[in-house]
Amino acid sequence: MLVAKYYHNNDIRLEQLPTPKIGPGEILVRVRASGICGTDVMEWYRIKKAPRILGHEIAGEIIESKSDKYRLGERVFVSHHVPCNDCKYCREDNQTACDTLHQGNYDPGGYSEFVRVPKINVDYGVYVLPDQMSYAEGAMIEPLACGVRGLGLIDIRARHTVLILGCGVSGILNIQLAKLTGARVVATDINEYRLNKAKEFGADEVRRGDQDLNIKADRVIVCTGAYAAVEQAFKCIDKKGIILFFAIPNRDIAIPIPDFWRNELTVTSSYGAAPADLAAALALIANQTINVKDTITQTLPLSQIQAAFKIVAKAKESLKVVLEP
């Protein structure tokens, strides 16, 4: 089977590997859509484990099953990370801190023609797609679920002003989710294309991120790795406000301690998604409550993954790039 092995952002090699063999309780999925996550082009983060086959946002068709739960031909989304549901983190509903979740994956990765889904992922991380949902939309379940979990941590209320820094696909999804709460949403970026997209997807107001915003927000969601956004978040957060780091810069951040203390600020982060978040995201897409279809701006074959990575890394006129192996 064809796979794409990551060495660094400008060196992704197409290779042939044997199609994985499945064991008891496992399934084999033909990958029909595989989204490129913004974290996949964070070279400082990914290169530590290179070379490897990345890709963790997939939807596809079951072509072999040794599980009683799923049958041949079913169209599914498959979660790459699943919790054990038994450790102290899972028992306290903190599944994204579970060691099992951080260690597991499917084999060999989403940038391949087929993936073997281990039994634990079959048990806790496979979701059948409704007929009306395309494979590409199914691949968006994981990124939307991350947003669902993040917003669940920061208690957005209808009277709040929510500032979203960065209008890539994560920002766009967070805009749509924040609007569901009835909050007023202000979005920023330095890219005019993405500012226009933010308005298109429901932001009440858009502003250039490289200008003085002169705003006090109840909640700030950082959806860009640019360090300037970190500084902007602390300038714009109101008293008793919450800053959510949905995306992170590649270095430690500086917290203005007097303001942090005197204004009783909260700074938190969000990583990944739990099974409940994935189920919620699937429902939001299936019911067309959240529009993910129009966030997919480019679709390319797996053989063009190097070009696809360049589109994502340049972050110009694109939101979500999906590969179709």
Protein backbone atom coordinates (compact mmCIF):
# COMPACT_ATOMS: atom_id res chain seq x y z
CA MET A 1 0.00 0.00 0.00
CA LEU A 2 1.04 3.60 -0.54
CA VAL A 3 2.08 5.62 2.52
CA ALA A 4 3.58 9.07 3.05
CA LYS A 5 6.44 9.12 5.55
CA TYR A 6 7.28 12.43 7.23
CA TYR A 7 10.95 13.39 7.70
CA HIS A 8 10.41 17.14 7.90
CA ASN A 9 8.01 19.64 6.33
CA ASN A 10 9.87 19.69 3.03
CA ASP A 11 10.69 15.99 2.94
CA ILE A 12 7.65 13.73 2.85
CA ARG A 13 8.40 10.53 0.99
CA LEU A 14 5.94 8.26 -0.77
CA GLU A 15 6.75 4.66 0.06
CA GLN A 16 5.22 1.22 -0.25
CA LEU A 17 4.45 -0.89 2.82
CA PRO A 18 2.61 -4.19 3.23
CA THR A 19 -1.07 -3.79 4.02
CA PRO A 20 -1.46 -4.41 7.78
CA LYS A 21 -2.84 -7.73 9.00
CA ILE A 22 -5.58 -7.48 11.58
CA GLY A 23 -6.06 -9.56 14.72
CA PRO A 24 -9.03 -10.49 16.93
CA GLY A 25 -11.36 -7.59 17.58
CA GLU A 26 -9.65 -5.39 14.99
CA ILE A 27 -10.78 -3.85 11.71
CA LEU A 28 -9.01 -2.77 8.53
CA VAL A 29 -10.15 0.54 7.08
CA ARG A 30 -9.55 1.87 3.59
CA VAL A 31 -8.81 5.56 4.14
CA ARG A 32 -11.08 7.71 2.00
CA ALA A 33 -10.30 11.09 3.54
CA SER A 34 -7.43 12.23 5.75
CA GLY A 35 -7.25 15.79 7.02
CA ILE A 36 -3.99 17.65 7.50
CA CYS A 37 -3.88 19.07 11.01
CA GLY A 38 -2.10 22.33 11.76
CA THR A 39 0.01 20.44 14.29
CA ASP A 40 1.35 18.25 11.48
CA VAL A 41 3.17 21.23 9.98
CA MET A 42 4.54 22.34 13.37
CA GLU A 43 8.00 21.10 12.44
CA TRP A 44 9.56 21.85 15.84
CA TYR A 45 6.94 19.54 17.36
CA ARG A 46 6.77 16.76 14.78
CA ILE A 47 10.43 16.37 13.87
CA LYS A 48 11.24 14.97 17.31
CA LYS A 49 9.67 11.64 16.33
CA ALA A 50 10.52 11.64 12.62
CA PRO A 51 10.55 9.67 10.45
CA ARG A 52 6.97 8.53 10.91
CA ILE A 53 3.64 8.29 9.14
CA LEU A 54 1.45 11.09 10.41
CA GLY A 55 -2.26 11.67 9.92
CA HIS A 56 -4.90 11.41 12.64
CA GLU A 57 -8.10 12.79 11.08
CA ILE A 58 -9.51 9.98 8.96
CA ALA A 59 -12.73 8.58 7.64
CA GLY A 60 -13.02 5.49 5.50
CA GLU A 61 -14.63 2.18 4.71
CA ILE A 62 -14.27 -1.07 6.64
CA ILE A 63 -12.88 -3.67 4.23
CA GLU A 64 -12.06 -6.37 6.80
CA SER A 65 -13.47 -6.95 10.27
CA LYS A 66 -12.71 -9.35 13.10
CA SER A 67 -14.98 -7.41 15.44
CA ASP A 68 -18.56 -8.30 16.33
CA LYS A 69 -19.38 -4.59 16.50
CA TYR A 70 -18.66 -3.57 12.91
CA ARG A 71 -19.25 -5.12 9.50
CA LEU A 72 -17.76 -4.87 6.04
CA GLY A 73 -18.70 -1.81 4.04
CA GLU A 74 -19.57 0.43 6.97
CA ARG A 75 -18.46 4.02 6.57
CA VAL A 76 -16.66 5.16 9.70
CA PHE A 77 -14.67 7.84 11.41
CA VAL A 78 -11.83 6.38 13.50
CA SER A 79 -10.26 8.16 16.45
CA HIS A 80 -6.49 7.76 16.68
CA HIS A 81 -6.37 8.38 20.45
CA VAL A 82 -8.68 6.60 22.88
CA PRO A 83 -8.69 6.56 26.70
CA CYS A 84 -8.58 3.49 28.92
CA ASN A 85 -11.76 4.62 30.74
CA ASP A 86 -10.43 3.16 33.98
CA CYS A 87 -7.58 5.36 35.30
CA LYS A 88 -8.02 8.23 37.74
CA TYR A 89 -8.07 10.77 34.91
CA CYS A 90 -10.81 8.93 33.06
CA ARG A 91 -12.85 8.46 36.23
CA GLU A 92 -12.70 12.24 36.77
CA ASP A 93 -13.78 12.91 33.17
CA ASN A 94 -10.29 14.05 32.20
CA GLN A 95 -9.80 11.45 29.47
CA THR A 96 -7.43 13.64 27.47
CA ALA A 97 -4.91 13.31 30.32
CA CYS A 98 -5.10 9.49 30.19
CA ASP A 99 -1.73 7.82 29.54
CA THR A 100 -3.37 5.27 27.26
CA LEU A 101 -4.85 8.05 25.13
CA HIS A 102 -1.42 9.62 24.67
CA GLN A 103 0.28 6.32 23.79
CA GLY A 104 -2.17 4.76 21.36
CA ASN A 105 -2.70 5.21 17.64
CA TYR A 106 -3.83 3.33 14.61
CA ASP A 107 -1.39 1.51 12.36
CA PRO A 108 0.51 2.97 10.59
CA GLY A 109 -1.06 6.48 10.41
CA GLY A 110 -3.68 8.36 8.47
CA TYR A 111 -1.44 9.27 5.54
CA SER A 112 -1.75 5.81 4.06
CA GLU A 113 -4.16 3.82 1.94
CA PHE A 114 -5.20 1.48 4.76
CA VAL A 115 -5.06 1.51 8.54
CA ARG A 116 -5.30 -1.29 11.05
CA VAL A 117 -7.49 -0.23 13.95
CA PRO A 118 -6.40 -1.87 17.24
CA LYS A 119 -9.06 -3.49 19.41
CA ILE A 120 -9.07 -0.69 22.01
CA ASN A 121 -9.68 1.86 19.25
CA VAL A 122 -12.41 -0.36 17.82
CA ASP A 123 -14.03 -0.55 21.27
CA TYR A 124 -13.81 3.15 22.11
CA GLY A 125 -13.04 5.12 18.96
CA VAL A 126 -15.06 4.05 15.93
CA TYR A 127 -18.13 6.02 14.85
CA VAL A 128 -20.41 5.03 11.96
CA LEU A 129 -21.05 7.93 9.60
CA PRO A 130 -24.66 8.80 8.75
CA ASP A 131 -25.55 8.41 5.08
CA GLN A 132 -25.71 12.15 4.47
CA MET A 133 -22.16 12.76 5.74
CA SER A 134 -19.32 12.62 3.22
CA TYR A 135 -15.96 11.07 4.04
CA ALA A 136 -14.34 14.52 3.96
CA GLU A 137 -16.87 15.81 6.49
CA GLY A 138 -16.23 12.69 8.57
CA ALA A 139 -12.54 13.54 8.70
CA MET A 140 -13.54 16.86 10.30
CA ILE A 141 -15.05 15.14 13.35
CA GLU A 142 -11.74 15.09 15.23
CA PRO A 143 -10.79 18.77 14.77
CA LEU A 144 -14.33 19.87 15.63
CA ALA A 145 -14.32 17.62 18.70
CA CYS A 146 -11.16 19.35 19.92
CA GLY A 147 -13.06 22.62 19.76
CA VAL A 148 -16.02 21.10 21.58
CA ARG A 149 -13.75 20.05 24.42
CA GLY A 150 -11.92 23.36 24.55
CA LEU A 151 -15.07 25.46 24.78
CA GLY A 152 -16.45 23.12 27.40
CA LEU A 153 -13.59 24.19 29.67
CA ILE A 154 -14.20 27.94 29.64
CA ASP A 155 -17.89 28.48 30.42
CA ILE A 156 -18.89 30.89 27.65
CA ARG A 157 -22.17 32.64 28.39
CA ALA A 158 -24.60 34.54 26.19
CA ARG A 159 -23.57 37.96 27.52
CA HIS A 160 -19.87 37.35 26.95
CA THR A 161 -17.55 38.85 24.39
CA VAL A 162 -15.30 36.13 22.98
CA LEU A 163 -12.09 37.12 21.20
CA ILE A 164 -10.65 34.52 18.85
CA LEU A 165 -7.06 35.11 17.78
CA GLY A 166 -6.31 33.39 14.49
CA CYS A 167 -8.82 32.47 11.78
CA GLY A 168 -7.39 29.31 10.33
CA VAL A 169 -9.64 26.28 10.40
CA SER A 170 -9.37 26.00 14.20
CA GLY A 171 -10.40 29.61 14.58
CA ILE A 172 -13.30 29.15 12.16
CA LEU A 173 -14.58 26.11 14.05
CA ASN A 174 -14.25 27.94 17.36
CA ILE A 175 -16.14 30.91 15.94
CA GLN A 176 -19.04 28.69 15.00
CA LEU A 177 -19.04 26.89 18.36
CA ALA A 178 -18.84 30.14 20.33
CA LYS A 179 -21.76 31.58 18.37
CA LEU A 180 -23.92 28.66 19.50
CA THR A 181 -23.68 30.03 23.06
CA GLY A 182 -25.15 33.38 22.04
CA ALA A 183 -21.92 35.22 22.80
CA ARG A 184 -20.59 38.14 20.76
CA VAL A 185 -17.57 36.93 18.78
CA VAL A 186 -14.68 39.10 17.61
CA ALA A 187 -12.07 37.40 15.42
CA THR A 188 -8.61 38.53 14.35
CA ASP A 189 -6.01 37.55 11.79
CA ILE A 190 -3.39 39.25 9.63
CA ASN A 191 -4.62 37.47 6.49
CA GLU A 192 -7.46 39.23 4.64
CA TYR A 193 -8.70 35.96 3.13
CA ARG A 194 -9.13 34.44 6.58
CA LEU A 195 -10.71 37.59 8.00
CA ASN A 196 -13.31 37.39 5.24
CA LYS A 197 -13.86 33.72 6.04
CA ALA A 198 -14.32 34.55 9.73
CA LYS A 199 -17.09 36.97 8.82
CA GLU A 200 -18.59 34.42 6.45
CA PHE A 201 -18.70 31.81 9.21
CA GLY A 202 -20.44 34.02 11.73
CA ALA A 203 -18.01 36.35 13.53
CA ASP A 204 -19.82 39.50 14.66
CA GLU A 205 -16.73 41.57 14.06
CA VAL A 206 -13.33 41.00 12.48
CA ARG A 207 -10.15 43.00 13.04
CA ARG A 208 -6.59 42.85 11.85
CA GLY A 209 -4.45 41.15 14.45
CA ASP A 210 -1.43 43.36 13.85
CA GLN A 211 -3.28 46.47 15.05
CA ASP A 212 -4.27 47.74 18.49
CA LEU A 213 -7.53 45.96 19.27
CA ASN A 214 -8.62 48.15 22.19
CA ILE A 215 -11.04 45.51 23.44
CA LYS A 216 -11.77 43.76 26.73
CA ALA A 217 -13.01 40.23 26.24
CA ASP A 218 -14.50 37.84 28.76
CA ARG A 219 -12.90 34.91 27.00
CA VAL A 220 -9.92 34.76 24.64
CA ILE A 221 -9.23 31.69 22.52
CA VAL A 222 -5.74 31.56 21.02
CA CYS A 223 -5.92 29.68 17.71
CA THR A 224 -2.52 30.60 16.30
CA GLY A 225 1.02 29.70 17.25
CA ALA A 226 2.28 33.25 16.71
CA TYR A 227 3.79 34.56 19.94
CA ALA A 228 2.31 38.00 19.28
CA ALA A 229 -1.09 36.43 19.93
CA VAL A 230 0.04 35.43 23.43
CA GLU A 231 0.86 39.03 24.25
CA GLN A 232 -2.36 40.21 22.65
CA ALA A 233 -4.40 37.75 24.69
CA PHE A 234 -3.17 39.23 27.97
CA LYS A 235 -3.74 42.79 26.73
CA CYS A 236 -7.32 42.02 25.76
CA ILE A 237 -8.58 39.81 28.58
CA ASP A 238 -10.99 41.46 31.02
CA LYS A 239 -11.00 41.01 34.79
CA LYS A 240 -12.01 37.49 35.85
CA GLY A 241 -11.54 36.44 32.24
CA ILE A 242 -10.28 33.14 30.86
CA ILE A 243 -7.61 32.65 28.19
CA LEU A 244 -7.71 29.31 26.40
CA PHE A 245 -4.59 28.20 24.56
CA PHE A 246 -6.12 26.09 21.81
CA ALA A 247 -2.89 26.54 19.84
CA ILE A 248 0.55 27.10 21.32
CA PRO A 249 3.75 28.92 20.35
CA ASN A 250 7.06 27.08 20.09
CA ARG A 251 8.45 28.58 23.29
CA ASP A 252 7.43 29.25 26.85
CA ILE A 253 5.02 32.08 27.44
CA ALA A 254 5.42 35.03 29.80
CA ILE A 255 2.47 35.70 32.09
CA PRO A 256 2.14 39.28 33.38
CA ILE A 257 1.95 38.24 37.02
CA PRO A 258 0.59 41.49 38.55
CA ASP A 259 -2.36 41.49 36.13
CA PHE A 260 -2.80 37.74 36.51
CA TRP A 261 -3.05 38.13 40.28
CA ARG A 262 -4.84 41.44 40.62
CA ASN A 263 -7.44 40.73 37.91
CA GLU A 264 -7.94 37.08 38.93
CA LEU A 265 -7.29 35.76 35.45
CA THR A 266 -7.45 32.12 34.43
CA VAL A 267 -5.09 30.67 31.84
CA THR A 268 -5.81 27.16 30.59
CA SER A 269 -5.15 24.89 27.64
CA SER A 270 -6.93 22.20 25.71
CA TYR A 271 -5.47 19.09 24.10
CA GLY A 272 -7.33 16.59 21.97
CA ALA A 273 -10.81 15.23 22.45
CA ALA A 274 -12.59 12.58 24.51
CA PRO A 275 -15.17 10.09 23.17
CA ALA A 276 -18.06 12.29 24.33
CA ASP A 277 -16.61 15.23 22.40
CA LEU A 278 -16.27 13.13 19.25
CA ALA A 279 -19.88 11.96 19.52
CA ALA A 280 -21.01 15.57 20.02
CA ALA A 281 -18.98 16.72 17.00
CA LEU A 282 -20.46 14.01 14.81
CA ALA A 283 -23.96 15.12 15.78
CA LEU A 284 -23.17 18.80 15.13
CA ILE A 285 -21.95 17.95 11.63
CA ALA A 286 -24.75 15.50 10.87
CA ASN A 287 -27.40 18.01 11.92
CA GLN A 288 -25.63 20.78 9.96
CA THR A 289 -25.41 22.84 13.14
CA ILE A 290 -21.75 23.41 12.37
CA ASN A 291 -20.64 23.91 8.77
CA VAL A 292 -17.45 21.93 8.18
CA LYS A 293 -18.05 21.24 4.50
CA ASP A 294 -17.17 24.77 3.44
CA THR A 295 -14.05 24.87 5.59
CA ILE A 296 -12.50 22.28 3.28
CA THR A 297 -10.80 24.49 0.74
CA GLN A 298 -8.48 22.01 -1.01
CA THR A 299 -8.70 18.28 -1.70
CA LEU A 300 -5.68 16.46 -3.09
CA PRO A 301 -4.62 12.85 -3.65
CA LEU A 302 -2.15 11.29 -1.21
CA SER A 303 0.47 11.33 -3.95
CA GLN A 304 0.46 15.15 -3.73
CA ILE A 305 0.96 15.33 0.03
CA GLN A 306 4.12 17.43 -0.28
CA ALA A 307 2.18 20.11 -2.17
CA ALA A 308 -0.63 19.83 0.37
CA PHE A 309 1.79 20.41 3.27
CA LYS A 310 3.09 23.53 1.54
CA ILE A 311 -0.44 24.89 1.25
CA VAL A 312 -1.07 24.31 4.95
CA ALA A 313 2.30 25.68 6.06
CA LYS A 314 1.99 28.86 3.98
CA ALA A 315 -1.48 29.50 5.44
CA LYS A 316 -2.56 31.84 2.66
CA GLU A 317 -5.83 31.20 0.82
CA SER A 318 -6.76 27.97 2.53
CA LEU A 319 -8.50 26.64 5.61
CA LYS A 320 -8.62 22.84 5.61
CA VAL A 321 -6.71 20.59 3.23
CA VAL A 322 -7.95 17.01 2.95
CA LEU A 323 -6.10 14.15 1.30
CA GLU A 324 -7.96 11.37 -0.52
CA PRO A 325 -5.75 8.26 -0.59
